[in-house]
Amino acid sequence: MLQRLDEFNPQSKDVKNYNDELRLHVSLLTQHKTMTRSRRIAQAAHQIKFVLDQMESNGVKADITTHSLLFTKNVLLERLDEATVNLHRVNQLSSIGRYSEIQGETLGHFFEQSLSRDNFNGLAHLATFTEKFEIDISNWQISKFRPALDFYLNHTPDLNKILTFTRFYTQFVNGALNNESLENSYDAKRIEAFQKAFGSQLENLVDMNALFKHLVNTIGSKQYIDPVSKQDPVEQLINFYTQDNVQSICRLSEQGTTHINHSDIVRYIANHFDSNSSFA
């Protein structure tokens, strides 16, 4: 049974006091959720609300640990809007102190919940988090992007959401390759690496060659800056495809769907050589 190390003081001005109490009840909530104990889930949620109310009444400001714990709580309760806000705050505060409390399993649940409910704002913040802290997402079901890709490419075009997908695509492959050098590897090892990084899910998910050409044509001479990461995701995609280990295997696809053409890279760079404009 989980116990407090120190007695909770609801009049405290120390955020650590509240975080310790939140950690206790989030841990209990996790246990009750696993065992589908509805009444105890409600009790744990009520206790968490009590702690937050006391924090507010005492003017105690939530820190990165608070938001990390609340992110876990909101993922468990499938409150995606609130979880997205918490993850955004964790990303904002992570320059002040390292993130804590968020488990990989919780991130994976948030990924799947967000995809199933078209929460691309949350996915963008998740991509920022996993990039920043180099979280390995190669065991996530990236193929679940398929319905969204079809919709936002072919029915209601949305460049921002497509580029959010490319961030997960590159992270998935990088996690699978784990910085392994393949430049001088024998063929069997390169094929094995390709199957692990691309072949299991990505080869039949999207034609990256066609997608990158579409991005270059659509963006033209404008510069696209992701509103969440504040970076150019197309530039990130180019940097990914110019990595030695990716170049060594990305053309092994029988369908030709896992590489991008160098001529399109040159076109994108040429389009932006003298451009100072941007849009988001």
C-alpha atoms as a PDB file:
ATOM      1  CA  MET A   1       0.000   0.000   0.000  1.00  0.00           C
ATOM      2  CA  LEU A   2       1.271   3.506  -0.885  1.00  0.00           C
ATOM      3  CA  GLN A   3       1.953   5.817   2.065  1.00  0.00           C
ATOM      4  CA  ARG A   4       2.932   9.437   2.477  1.00  0.00           C
ATOM      5  CA  LEU A   5       6.512  10.140   3.465  1.00  0.00           C
ATOM      6  CA  ASP A   6       5.283  13.326   5.207  1.00  0.00           C
ATOM      7  CA  GLU A   7       1.808  14.275   6.358  1.00  0.00           C
ATOM      8  CA  PHE A   8       0.012  16.462   3.818  1.00  0.00           C
ATOM      9  CA  ASN A   9      -0.399  20.066   4.948  1.00  0.00           C
ATOM     10  CA  PRO A  10      -3.309  21.702   3.045  1.00  0.00           C
ATOM     11  CA  GLN A  11      -2.143  25.145   4.211  1.00  0.00           C
ATOM     12  CA  SER A  12       1.411  24.761   2.915  1.00  0.00           C
ATOM     13  CA  LYS A  13       3.063  27.242   0.529  1.00  0.00           C
ATOM     14  CA  ASP A  14       5.545  24.614  -0.692  1.00  0.00           C
ATOM     15  CA  VAL A  15       4.690  23.086  -4.079  1.00  0.00           C
ATOM     16  CA  LYS A  16       6.611  19.914  -3.159  1.00  0.00           C
ATOM     17  CA  ASN A  17       4.073  19.221  -0.404  1.00  0.00           C
ATOM     18  CA  TYR A  18       1.257  19.238  -2.973  1.00  0.00           C
ATOM     19  CA  ASN A  19       3.233  17.245  -5.536  1.00  0.00           C
ATOM     20  CA  ASP A  20       3.894  14.503  -2.996  1.00  0.00           C
ATOM     21  CA  GLU A  21       0.161  14.271  -2.259  1.00  0.00           C
ATOM     22  CA  LEU A  22      -0.715  14.345  -5.959  1.00  0.00           C
ATOM     23  CA  ARG A  23       1.812  11.585  -6.640  1.00  0.00           C
ATOM     24  CA  LEU A  24       0.138   9.397  -4.027  1.00  0.00           C
ATOM     25  CA  HIS A  25      -3.346   9.820  -5.487  1.00  0.00           C
ATOM     26  CA  VAL A  26      -2.221   9.543  -9.124  1.00  0.00           C
ATOM     27  CA  SER A  27      -0.521   6.256  -8.213  1.00  0.00           C
ATOM     28  CA  LEU A  28      -3.731   5.058  -6.557  1.00  0.00           C
ATOM     29  CA  LEU A  29      -5.729   6.198  -9.581  1.00  0.00           C
ATOM     30  CA  THR A  30      -3.408   4.164 -11.830  1.00  0.00           C
ATOM     31  CA  GLN A  31      -3.959   1.053  -9.715  1.00  0.00           C
ATOM     32  CA  HIS A  32      -7.736   1.491  -9.577  1.00  0.00           C
ATOM     33  CA  LYS A  33      -7.915   2.175 -13.317  1.00  0.00           C
ATOM     34  CA  THR A  34      -6.044  -1.055 -14.035  1.00  0.00           C
ATOM     35  CA  MET A  35      -8.535  -2.982 -11.922  1.00  0.00           C
ATOM     36  CA  THR A  36     -11.534  -0.955 -13.205  1.00  0.00           C
ATOM     37  CA  ARG A  37     -12.629   0.001  -9.699  1.00  0.00           C
ATOM     38  CA  SER A  38     -15.090   2.759 -10.603  1.00  0.00           C
ATOM     39  CA  ARG A  39     -15.887   3.940  -7.079  1.00  0.00           C
ATOM     40  CA  ARG A  40     -12.230   4.137  -6.061  1.00  0.00           C
ATOM     41  CA  ILE A  41     -11.329   5.861  -9.348  1.00  0.00           C
ATOM     42  CA  ALA A  42     -13.869   8.547  -8.483  1.00  0.00           C
ATOM     43  CA  GLN A  43     -12.478   8.827  -4.944  1.00  0.00           C
ATOM     44  CA  ALA A  44      -8.903   9.266  -6.204  1.00  0.00           C
ATOM     45  CA  ALA A  45     -10.049  11.874  -8.728  1.00  0.00           C
ATOM     46  CA  HIS A  46     -11.895  13.721  -5.957  1.00  0.00           C
ATOM     47  CA  GLN A  47      -8.782  13.741  -3.747  1.00  0.00           C
ATOM     48  CA  ILE A  48      -6.701  15.114  -6.614  1.00  0.00           C
ATOM     49  CA  LYS A  49      -9.246  17.909  -7.098  1.00  0.00           C
ATOM     50  CA  PHE A  50      -9.071  18.680  -3.368  1.00  0.00           C
ATOM     51  CA  VAL A  51      -5.269  19.027  -3.534  1.00  0.00           C
ATOM     52  CA  LEU A  52      -5.511  21.312  -6.582  1.00  0.00           C
ATOM     53  CA  ASP A  53      -8.179  23.447  -4.891  1.00  0.00           C
ATOM     54  CA  GLN A  54      -5.901  23.855  -1.849  1.00  0.00           C
ATOM     55  CA  MET A  55      -2.994  24.825  -4.101  1.00  0.00           C
ATOM     56  CA  GLU A  56      -5.120  27.503  -5.734  1.00  0.00           C
ATOM     57  CA  SER A  57      -6.525  28.866  -2.490  1.00  0.00           C
ATOM     58  CA  ASN A  58      -2.989  29.140  -1.053  1.00  0.00           C
ATOM     59  CA  GLY A  59      -1.563  30.768  -4.172  1.00  0.00           C
ATOM     60  CA  VAL A  60       0.847  27.915  -4.900  1.00  0.00           C
ATOM     61  CA  LYS A  61       1.948  27.809  -8.532  1.00  0.00           C
ATOM     62  CA  ALA A  62       2.076  24.469 -10.347  1.00  0.00           C
ATOM     63  CA  ASP A  63       5.556  23.434 -11.497  1.00  0.00           C
ATOM     64  CA  ILE A  64       6.782  20.911 -14.082  1.00  0.00           C
ATOM     65  CA  THR A  65       6.244  17.997 -11.679  1.00  0.00           C
ATOM     66  CA  THR A  66       2.675  19.116 -10.993  1.00  0.00           C
ATOM     67  CA  HIS A  67       1.855  19.271 -14.690  1.00  0.00           C
ATOM     68  CA  SER A  68       3.564  15.919 -15.308  1.00  0.00           C
ATOM     69  CA  LEU A  69       1.408  14.280 -12.636  1.00  0.00           C
ATOM     70  CA  LEU A  70      -1.748  15.973 -13.924  1.00  0.00           C
ATOM     71  CA  PHE A  71      -0.920  14.851 -17.454  1.00  0.00           C
ATOM     72  CA  THR A  72      -0.849  11.252 -16.223  1.00  0.00           C
ATOM     73  CA  LYS A  73      -4.116  11.760 -14.349  1.00  0.00           C
ATOM     74  CA  ASN A  74      -5.869  13.256 -17.355  1.00  0.00           C
ATOM     75  CA  VAL A  75      -4.640  10.535 -19.713  1.00  0.00           C
ATOM     76  CA  LEU A  76      -5.955   7.916 -17.295  1.00  0.00           C
ATOM     77  CA  LEU A  77      -9.335   9.683 -17.237  1.00  0.00           C
ATOM     78  CA  GLU A  78      -9.188  10.317 -21.018  1.00  0.00           C
ATOM     79  CA  ARG A  79      -9.512  14.064 -20.595  1.00  0.00           C
ATOM     80  CA  LEU A  80      -7.536  14.929 -23.703  1.00  0.00           C
ATOM     81  CA  ASP A  81      -7.979  18.699 -23.694  1.00  0.00           C
ATOM     82  CA  GLU A  82      -6.681  18.963 -20.139  1.00  0.00           C
ATOM     83  CA  ALA A  83      -3.857  16.494 -20.810  1.00  0.00           C
ATOM     84  CA  THR A  84      -2.807  18.542 -23.850  1.00  0.00           C
ATOM     85  CA  VAL A  85      -2.607  21.702 -21.739  1.00  0.00           C
ATOM     86  CA  ASN A  86      -0.514  19.865 -19.131  1.00  0.00           C
ATOM     87  CA  LEU A  87       1.888  18.536 -21.765  1.00  0.00           C
ATOM     88  CA  HIS A  88       2.201  22.013 -23.273  1.00  0.00           C
ATOM     89  CA  ARG A  89       3.158  23.368 -19.846  1.00  0.00           C
ATOM     90  CA  VAL A  90       5.655  20.560 -19.308  1.00  0.00           C
ATOM     91  CA  ASN A  91       7.300  21.485 -22.618  1.00  0.00           C
ATOM     92  CA  GLN A  92       7.370  25.156 -21.649  1.00  0.00           C
ATOM     93  CA  LEU A  93       8.840  24.473 -18.199  1.00  0.00           C
ATOM     94  CA  SER A  94      11.340  21.827 -19.313  1.00  0.00           C
ATOM     95  CA  SER A  95      14.018  24.466 -19.927  1.00  0.00           C
ATOM     96  CA  ILE A  96      13.830  25.281 -16.219  1.00  0.00           C
ATOM     97  CA  GLY A  97      14.064  21.693 -14.962  1.00  0.00           C
ATOM     98  CA  ARG A  98      14.002  18.188 -16.366  1.00  0.00           C
ATOM     99  CA  TYR A  99      10.654  16.539 -16.881  1.00  0.00           C
ATOM    100  CA  SER A 100       9.664  13.874 -14.435  1.00  0.00           C
ATOM    101  CA  GLU A 101       6.849  11.493 -13.563  1.00  0.00           C
ATOM    102  CA  ILE A 102       5.614  10.796 -17.123  1.00  0.00           C
ATOM    103  CA  GLN A 103       6.018   7.141 -18.085  1.00  0.00           C
ATOM    104  CA  GLY A 104       6.458   5.896 -21.647  1.00  0.00           C
ATOM    105  CA  GLU A 105       3.273   3.846 -21.356  1.00  0.00           C
ATOM    106  CA  THR A 106       1.305   6.998 -20.522  1.00  0.00           C
ATOM    107  CA  LEU A 107       2.769   8.790 -23.556  1.00  0.00           C
ATOM    108  CA  GLY A 108       1.761   5.839 -25.727  1.00  0.00           C
ATOM    109  CA  HIS A 109      -1.805   5.935 -24.404  1.00  0.00           C
ATOM    110  CA  PHE A 110      -2.002   9.665 -25.088  1.00  0.00           C
ATOM    111  CA  PHE A 111      -0.726   9.064 -28.635  1.00  0.00           C
ATOM    112  CA  GLU A 112      -3.454   6.508 -29.357  1.00  0.00           C
ATOM    113  CA  GLN A 113      -6.205   8.526 -27.649  1.00  0.00           C
ATOM    114  CA  SER A 114      -5.211  11.628 -29.607  1.00  0.00           C
ATOM    115  CA  LEU A 115      -5.178   9.819 -32.938  1.00  0.00           C
ATOM    116  CA  SER A 116      -8.565   8.237 -32.321  1.00  0.00           C
ATOM    117  CA  ARG A 117     -10.096  11.629 -31.451  1.00  0.00           C
ATOM    118  CA  ASP A 118      -8.243  13.790 -33.996  1.00  0.00           C
ATOM    119  CA  ASN A 119      -6.356  15.671 -31.284  1.00  0.00           C
ATOM    120  CA  PHE A 120      -3.557  16.961 -33.525  1.00  0.00           C
ATOM    121  CA  ASN A 121      -2.815  19.839 -31.173  1.00  0.00           C
ATOM    122  CA  GLY A 122      -1.974  17.254 -28.529  1.00  0.00           C
ATOM    123  CA  LEU A 123       0.032  15.219 -31.045  1.00  0.00           C
ATOM    124  CA  ALA A 124       2.093  18.296 -31.927  1.00  0.00           C
ATOM    125  CA  HIS A 125       2.938  18.865 -28.245  1.00  0.00           C
ATOM    126  CA  LEU A 126       3.678  15.145 -27.869  1.00  0.00           C
ATOM    127  CA  ALA A 127       6.076  15.262 -30.842  1.00  0.00           C
ATOM    128  CA  THR A 128       7.859  18.207 -29.226  1.00  0.00           C
ATOM    129  CA  PHE A 129       8.149  16.312 -25.944  1.00  0.00           C
ATOM    130  CA  THR A 130       9.439  13.085 -27.491  1.00  0.00           C
ATOM    131  CA  GLU A 131      11.914  15.006 -29.680  1.00  0.00           C
ATOM    132  CA  LYS A 132      13.208  17.082 -26.783  1.00  0.00           C
ATOM    133  CA  PHE A 133      13.769  14.129 -24.471  1.00  0.00           C
ATOM    134  CA  GLU A 134      14.690  11.613 -27.202  1.00  0.00           C
ATOM    135  CA  ILE A 135      11.913   9.190 -26.275  1.00  0.00           C
ATOM    136  CA  ASP A 136      12.025   5.962 -28.296  1.00  0.00           C
ATOM    137  CA  ILE A 137       8.625   5.601 -30.001  1.00  0.00           C
ATOM    138  CA  SER A 138       9.568   2.690 -32.276  1.00  0.00           C
ATOM    139  CA  ASN A 139       7.128   0.387 -30.465  1.00  0.00           C
ATOM    140  CA  TRP A 140       4.153   2.695 -31.093  1.00  0.00           C
ATOM    141  CA  GLN A 141       1.539   1.803 -33.695  1.00  0.00           C
ATOM    142  CA  ILE A 142       2.463   4.562 -36.143  1.00  0.00           C
ATOM    143  CA  SER A 143       0.338   2.878 -38.817  1.00  0.00           C
ATOM    144  CA  LYS A 144      -2.744   4.204 -36.980  1.00  0.00           C
ATOM    145  CA  PHE A 145      -2.058   7.514 -38.730  1.00  0.00           C
ATOM    146  CA  ARG A 146      -3.475   6.019 -41.947  1.00  0.00           C
ATOM    147  CA  PRO A 147      -7.101   7.314 -41.674  1.00  0.00           C
ATOM    148  CA  ALA A 148      -5.899  10.807 -40.731  1.00  0.00           C
ATOM    149  CA  LEU A 149      -3.366  10.859 -43.578  1.00  0.00           C
ATOM    150  CA  ASP A 150      -6.030   9.886 -46.075  1.00  0.00           C
ATOM    151  CA  PHE A 151      -8.421  12.544 -44.779  1.00  0.00           C
ATOM    152  CA  TYR A 152      -5.946  15.423 -44.526  1.00  0.00           C
ATOM    153  CA  LEU A 153      -4.253  14.647 -47.836  1.00  0.00           C
ATOM    154  CA  ASN A 154      -7.205  13.715 -50.019  1.00  0.00           C
ATOM    155  CA  HIS A 155     -10.374  15.191 -48.522  1.00  0.00           C
ATOM    156  CA  THR A 156      -9.677  18.220 -46.336  1.00  0.00           C
ATOM    157  CA  PRO A 157      -6.041  19.208 -46.956  1.00  0.00           C
ATOM    158  CA  ASP A 158      -4.241  20.347 -43.802  1.00  0.00           C
ATOM    159  CA  LEU A 159      -0.522  20.963 -44.148  1.00  0.00           C
ATOM    160  CA  ASN A 160       0.024  21.467 -40.432  1.00  0.00           C
ATOM    161  CA  LYS A 161      -1.366  18.039 -39.541  1.00  0.00           C
ATOM    162  CA  ILE A 162       0.551  16.280 -42.309  1.00  0.00           C
ATOM    163  CA  LEU A 163       3.789  17.842 -41.086  1.00  0.00           C
ATOM    164  CA  THR A 164       2.994  16.779 -37.521  1.00  0.00           C
ATOM    165  CA  PHE A 165       2.828  13.228 -38.879  1.00  0.00           C
ATOM    166  CA  THR A 166       6.293  13.565 -40.489  1.00  0.00           C
ATOM    167  CA  ARG A 167       7.753  14.386 -37.071  1.00  0.00           C
ATOM    168  CA  PHE A 168       6.503  11.050 -35.709  1.00  0.00           C
ATOM    169  CA  TYR A 169       7.668   9.255 -38.863  1.00  0.00           C
ATOM    170  CA  THR A 170      11.270  10.430 -38.424  1.00  0.00           C
ATOM    171  CA  GLN A 171      11.271   9.765 -34.675  1.00  0.00           C
ATOM    172  CA  PHE A 172       9.922   6.252 -35.225  1.00  0.00           C
ATOM    173  CA  VAL A 173      12.734   5.388 -37.649  1.00  0.00           C
ATOM    174  CA  ASN A 174      15.436   7.020 -35.534  1.00  0.00           C
ATOM    175  CA  GLY A 175      14.260   5.066 -32.508  1.00  0.00           C
ATOM    176  CA  ALA A 176      14.332   1.799 -34.447  1.00  0.00           C
ATOM    177  CA  LEU A 177      17.815   2.466 -35.830  1.00  0.00           C
ATOM    178  CA  ASN A 178      19.131   3.681 -32.464  1.00  0.00           C
ATOM    179  CA  ASN A 179      22.020   5.604 -34.102  1.00  0.00           C
ATOM    180  CA  GLU A 180      23.373   2.385 -35.610  1.00  0.00           C
ATOM    181  CA  SER A 181      25.979   2.987 -38.311  1.00  0.00           C
ATOM    182  CA  LEU A 182      25.046   1.113 -41.502  1.00  0.00           C
ATOM    183  CA  GLU A 183      27.203   2.859 -44.103  1.00  0.00           C
ATOM    184  CA  ASN A 184      29.610  -0.061 -44.617  1.00  0.00           C
ATOM    185  CA  SER A 185      27.310  -2.839 -43.460  1.00  0.00           C
ATOM    186  CA  TYR A 186      26.790  -6.042 -45.421  1.00  0.00           C
ATOM    187  CA  ASP A 187      23.522  -6.438 -47.314  1.00  0.00           C
ATOM    188  CA  ALA A 188      21.817  -8.787 -44.857  1.00  0.00           C
ATOM    189  CA  LYS A 189      22.343  -6.363 -41.977  1.00  0.00           C
ATOM    190  CA  ARG A 190      21.022  -3.430 -44.002  1.00  0.00           C
ATOM    191  CA  ILE A 191      17.926  -5.406 -45.021  1.00  0.00           C
ATOM    192  CA  GLU A 192      17.345  -6.367 -41.381  1.00  0.00           C
ATOM    193  CA  ALA A 193      17.674  -2.702 -40.350  1.00  0.00           C
ATOM    194  CA  PHE A 194      15.260  -1.638 -43.098  1.00  0.00           C
ATOM    195  CA  GLN A 195      12.640  -4.162 -41.989  1.00  0.00           C
ATOM    196  CA  LYS A 196      12.947  -2.992 -38.398  1.00  0.00           C
ATOM    197  CA  ALA A 197      12.803   0.736 -39.177  1.00  0.00           C
ATOM    198  CA  PHE A 198      10.563   0.975 -42.252  1.00  0.00           C
ATOM    199  CA  GLY A 199       9.182  -2.393 -43.261  1.00  0.00           C
ATOM    200  CA  SER A 200       7.123  -3.264 -40.214  1.00  0.00           C
ATOM    201  CA  GLN A 201       4.709  -0.322 -40.519  1.00  0.00           C
ATOM    202  CA  LEU A 202       5.920   2.533 -42.708  1.00  0.00           C
ATOM    203  CA  GLU A 203       6.558   0.982 -46.120  1.00  0.00           C
ATOM    204  CA  ASN A 204       2.845   0.597 -46.831  1.00  0.00           C
ATOM    205  CA  LEU A 205       1.647   3.553 -44.782  1.00  0.00           C
ATOM    206  CA  VAL A 206       2.551   6.460 -47.074  1.00  0.00           C
ATOM    207  CA  ASP A 207       4.651   7.116 -50.177  1.00  0.00           C
ATOM    208  CA  MET A 208       7.183   9.537 -48.709  1.00  0.00           C
ATOM    209  CA  ASN A 209       8.640  10.255 -52.145  1.00  0.00           C
ATOM    210  CA  ALA A 210       5.267  11.512 -53.387  1.00  0.00           C
ATOM    211  CA  LEU A 211       4.456  13.212 -50.075  1.00  0.00           C
ATOM    212  CA  PHE A 212       7.709  15.180 -50.010  1.00  0.00           C
ATOM    213  CA  LYS A 213       7.211  16.290 -53.620  1.00  0.00           C
ATOM    214  CA  HIS A 214       3.703  17.424 -52.648  1.00  0.00           C
ATOM    215  CA  LEU A 215       5.089  19.402 -49.692  1.00  0.00           C
ATOM    216  CA  VAL A 216       7.713  21.117 -51.847  1.00  0.00           C
ATOM    217  CA  ASN A 217       5.091  22.034 -54.454  1.00  0.00           C
ATOM    218  CA  THR A 218       2.564  23.237 -51.867  1.00  0.00           C
ATOM    219  CA  ILE A 219       4.939  25.323 -49.767  1.00  0.00           C
ATOM    220  CA  GLY A 220       6.806  26.838 -52.710  1.00  0.00           C
ATOM    221  CA  SER A 221       9.034  29.736 -51.692  1.00  0.00           C
ATOM    222  CA  LYS A 222       7.270  30.282 -48.358  1.00  0.00           C
ATOM    223  CA  GLN A 223       8.816  29.050 -45.151  1.00  0.00           C
ATOM    224  CA  TYR A 224       6.609  26.933 -42.940  1.00  0.00           C
ATOM    225  CA  ILE A 225       7.266  27.222 -39.195  1.00  0.00           C
ATOM    226  CA  ASP A 226       5.492  24.746 -36.955  1.00  0.00           C
ATOM    227  CA  PRO A 227       3.456  26.763 -34.413  1.00  0.00           C
ATOM    228  CA  VAL A 228       4.294  24.343 -31.576  1.00  0.00           C
ATOM    229  CA  SER A 229       7.949  23.386 -32.150  1.00  0.00           C
ATOM    230  CA  LYS A 230       8.873  26.763 -33.752  1.00  0.00           C
ATOM    231  CA  GLN A 231      10.973  24.831 -36.270  1.00  0.00           C
ATOM    232  CA  ASP A 232      10.726  24.092 -39.988  1.00  0.00           C
ATOM    233  CA  PRO A 233       9.495  20.463 -40.121  1.00  0.00           C
ATOM    234  CA  VAL A 234      10.390  20.143 -43.819  1.00  0.00           C
ATOM    235  CA  GLU A 235      13.973  21.070 -42.970  1.00  0.00           C
ATOM    236  CA  GLN A 236      13.859  18.478 -40.184  1.00  0.00           C
ATOM    237  CA  LEU A 237      12.653  15.906 -42.724  1.00  0.00           C
ATOM    238  CA  ILE A 238      15.544  16.760 -45.063  1.00  0.00           C
ATOM    239  CA  ASN A 239      18.034  16.465 -42.196  1.00  0.00           C
ATOM    240  CA  PHE A 240      16.563  13.065 -41.358  1.00  0.00           C
ATOM    241  CA  TYR A 241      16.927  11.762 -44.914  1.00  0.00           C
ATOM    242  CA  THR A 242      20.512  12.988 -45.182  1.00  0.00           C
ATOM    243  CA  GLN A 243      21.621  10.948 -42.150  1.00  0.00           C
ATOM    244  CA  ASP A 244      24.119   8.284 -43.206  1.00  0.00           C
ATOM    245  CA  ASN A 245      22.243   5.382 -41.605  1.00  0.00           C
ATOM    246  CA  VAL A 246      18.927   6.431 -43.194  1.00  0.00           C
ATOM    247  CA  GLN A 247      20.510   6.935 -46.619  1.00  0.00           C
ATOM    248  CA  SER A 248      21.999   3.444 -46.381  1.00  0.00           C
ATOM    249  CA  ILE A 249      18.617   1.714 -46.205  1.00  0.00           C
ATOM    250  CA  CYS A 250      15.767   4.047 -47.242  1.00  0.00           C
ATOM    251  CA  ARG A 251      15.877   2.938 -50.917  1.00  0.00           C
ATOM    252  CA  LEU A 252      15.526  -0.754 -50.107  1.00  0.00           C
ATOM    253  CA  SER A 253      11.738  -0.613 -50.333  1.00  0.00           C
ATOM    254  CA  GLU A 254      10.355  -2.735 -53.175  1.00  0.00           C
ATOM    255  CA  GLN A 255       7.505  -0.221 -53.477  1.00  0.00           C
ATOM    256  CA  GLY A 256       9.886   2.752 -53.517  1.00  0.00           C
ATOM    257  CA  THR A 257       7.887   4.466 -50.767  1.00  0.00           C
ATOM    258  CA  THR A 258      10.501   5.137 -48.070  1.00  0.00           C
ATOM    259  CA  HIS A 259      12.881   7.627 -49.700  1.00  0.00           C
ATOM    260  CA  ILE A 260      12.694  11.149 -51.097  1.00  0.00           C
ATOM    261  CA  ASN A 261      14.294  12.391 -54.323  1.00  0.00           C
ATOM    262  CA  HIS A 262      17.420  14.512 -54.106  1.00  0.00           C
ATOM    263  CA  SER A 263      16.051  16.761 -56.876  1.00  0.00           C
ATOM    264  CA  ASP A 264      13.119  17.704 -54.605  1.00  0.00           C
ATOM    265  CA  ILE A 265      15.520  18.484 -51.755  1.00  0.00           C
ATOM    266  CA  VAL A 266      17.480  20.773 -54.090  1.00  0.00           C
ATOM    267  CA  ARG A 267      14.238  22.437 -55.208  1.00  0.00           C
ATOM    268  CA  TYR A 268      13.154  23.111 -51.638  1.00  0.00           C
ATOM    269  CA  ILE A 269      16.531  24.594 -50.699  1.00  0.00           C
ATOM    270  CA  ALA A 270      16.599  26.718 -53.870  1.00  0.00           C
ATOM    271  CA  ASN A 271      13.071  27.972 -53.185  1.00  0.00           C
ATOM    272  CA  HIS A 272      14.161  29.226 -49.761  1.00  0.00           C
ATOM    273  CA  PHE A 273      17.628  30.520 -50.557  1.00  0.00           C
ATOM    274  CA  ASP A 274      16.546  34.176 -50.590  1.00  0.00           C
ATOM    275  CA  SER A 275      13.246  33.864 -48.756  1.00  0.00           C
ATOM    276  CA  ASN A 276      12.595  35.678 -45.477  1.00  0.00           C
ATOM    277  CA  SER A 277       8.837  35.131 -45.484  1.00  0.00           C
ATOM    278  CA  SER A 278       7.127  32.676 -43.188  1.00  0.00           C
ATOM    279  CA  PHE A 279       3.644  31.449 -42.380  1.00  0.00           C
ATOM    280  CA  ALA A 280       2.131  29.115 -39.814  1.00  0.00           C
END
